[in-house]
């Protein structure tokens, strides 16, 4: 369960959801992790323009919120992968209609079934 802010701090479900996905990169991180687990460097390449500092901070916040799972393989050299939890996959499904709206009304694309 996500509890970044106090239980009584939210006014509605949208407020709570935006607390979790707020920021330019978090939704794009969720999209990047949809298909398979990814390593940090792979995520950086998939998200041109994100800095290492911001990506690391967002991944930590998403992990704290139970959206992303960080798996450390304890190898030399170090290997860490990030993947979506069940909660993260459900959040991606919830964001699909928003992506469809953006494609149709902002990008001017015909409606389709793709999530992103």
Protein backbone atom coordinates (compact mmCIF):
# COMPACT_ATOMS: atom_id res chain seq x y z
CA UNK A 1 0.00 0.00 0.00
CA UNK A 2 1.30 3.43 -0.92
CA UNK A 3 1.52 5.77 2.04
CA UNK A 4 3.98 8.47 1.08
CA UNK A 5 1.85 11.24 2.52
CA UNK A 6 -0.33 11.03 5.61
CA UNK A 7 -3.56 9.07 5.36
CA UNK A 8 -5.68 12.22 5.71
CA UNK A 9 -3.57 14.32 3.31
CA UNK A 10 -5.38 13.09 0.19
CA UNK A 11 -8.61 14.66 -0.97
CA UNK A 12 -9.45 12.03 -3.60
CA UNK A 13 -8.07 9.04 -5.49
CA UNK A 14 -6.59 11.23 -8.23
CA UNK A 15 -4.65 13.18 -5.61
CA UNK A 16 -3.21 9.94 -4.20
CA UNK A 17 -2.37 8.55 -7.66
CA UNK A 18 -0.67 11.77 -8.75
CA UNK A 19 1.48 11.64 -5.63
CA UNK A 20 2.82 8.30 -6.85
CA UNK A 21 3.29 9.12 -10.57
CA UNK A 22 3.99 12.84 -10.29
CA UNK A 23 6.97 14.11 -12.23
CA UNK A 24 8.03 13.95 -15.84
CA UNK A 25 9.80 10.59 -15.74
CA UNK A 26 7.85 8.23 -13.48
CA UNK A 27 5.17 7.26 -15.99
CA UNK A 28 7.87 6.76 -18.63
CA UNK A 29 9.78 4.50 -16.22
CA UNK A 30 6.61 2.45 -15.71
CA UNK A 31 6.20 2.18 -19.49
CA UNK A 32 9.84 1.09 -19.90
CA UNK A 33 9.40 -1.66 -17.30
CA UNK A 34 6.12 -2.98 -18.74
CA UNK A 35 7.59 -5.69 -20.96
CA UNK A 36 10.50 -7.01 -18.89
CA UNK A 37 12.92 -6.23 -16.06
CA UNK A 38 15.56 -3.65 -16.98
CA UNK A 39 18.94 -2.62 -15.67
CA UNK A 40 19.68 0.99 -14.75
CA UNK A 41 21.78 1.69 -17.86
CA UNK A 42 19.12 0.22 -20.10
CA UNK A 43 16.51 2.51 -18.54
CA UNK A 44 18.80 5.52 -19.11
CA UNK A 45 19.11 4.64 -22.79
CA UNK A 46 15.34 4.21 -23.13
CA UNK A 47 14.68 7.60 -21.53
CA UNK A 48 16.91 10.13 -23.31
CA UNK A 49 17.21 13.31 -21.29
CA UNK A 50 16.81 11.82 -17.83
CA UNK A 51 19.81 12.34 -15.58
CA UNK A 52 21.28 9.54 -13.49
CA UNK A 53 20.40 11.44 -10.33
CA UNK A 54 16.73 11.88 -11.27
CA UNK A 55 16.36 8.30 -12.53
CA UNK A 56 17.89 6.91 -9.34
CA UNK A 57 15.66 9.12 -7.17
CA UNK A 58 12.48 8.17 -9.07
CA UNK A 59 13.34 4.46 -8.95
CA UNK A 60 13.87 4.72 -5.16
CA UNK A 61 10.51 6.50 -4.73
CA UNK A 62 8.69 3.96 -6.91
CA UNK A 63 10.34 1.16 -4.93
CA UNK A 64 9.29 2.77 -1.63
CA UNK A 65 5.72 3.02 -2.95
CA UNK A 66 5.68 -0.68 -3.87
CA UNK A 67 5.43 0.02 -7.61
CA UNK A 68 8.91 -1.16 -8.63
CA UNK A 69 10.93 -4.10 -7.34
CA UNK A 70 14.72 -3.75 -7.17
CA UNK A 71 16.55 -7.07 -7.41
CA UNK A 72 20.24 -7.14 -6.48
CA UNK A 73 21.92 -10.28 -7.80
CA UNK A 74 24.98 -9.88 -5.50
CA UNK A 75 27.41 -10.60 -8.32
CA UNK A 76 30.75 -9.16 -9.31
CA UNK A 77 30.44 -6.93 -11.22
CA UNK A 78 27.24 -5.78 -9.51
CA UNK A 79 23.99 -6.57 -11.30
CA UNK A 80 20.70 -4.90 -10.36
CA UNK A 81 17.40 -5.17 -12.22
CA UNK A 82 14.19 -3.22 -11.83
CA UNK A 83 10.77 -4.68 -12.56
CA UNK A 84 7.14 -3.84 -11.92
CA UNK A 85 5.32 -5.32 -8.96
CA UNK A 86 1.70 -6.42 -9.28
CA UNK A 87 0.78 -2.97 -7.97
CA UNK A 88 2.97 -1.37 -10.65
CA UNK A 89 1.34 -3.43 -13.41
CA UNK A 90 -2.10 -2.42 -12.14
CA UNK A 91 -0.99 1.23 -12.19
CA UNK A 92 0.18 0.85 -15.81
CA UNK A 93 -3.23 -0.58 -16.72
CA UNK A 94 -4.90 2.38 -15.02
CA UNK A 95 -2.75 4.79 -17.04
CA UNK A 96 -3.64 3.20 -20.41
CA UNK A 97 -6.78 5.35 -20.95
CA UNK A 98 -4.78 8.49 -20.18
CA UNK A 99 -2.20 7.51 -22.82
CA UNK A 100 -4.98 6.86 -25.31
CA UNK A 101 -6.48 10.27 -24.57
CA UNK A 102 -3.10 11.96 -25.14
CA UNK A 103 -2.54 10.16 -28.43
CA UNK A 104 -6.00 11.05 -29.70
CA UNK A 105 -6.45 14.60 -28.41
CA UNK A 106 -2.93 15.99 -28.21
CA UNK A 107 -0.99 14.04 -30.83
CA UNK A 108 -3.96 13.78 -33.18
CA UNK A 109 -3.55 10.03 -33.71
CA UNK A 110 -6.44 7.71 -34.39
CA UNK A 111 -7.62 5.72 -31.34
CA UNK A 112 -5.81 2.39 -30.92
CA UNK A 113 -5.38 -0.30 -28.32
CA UNK A 114 -1.67 0.25 -27.56
CA UNK A 115 -0.93 1.24 -23.97
CA UNK A 116 1.63 3.96 -24.80
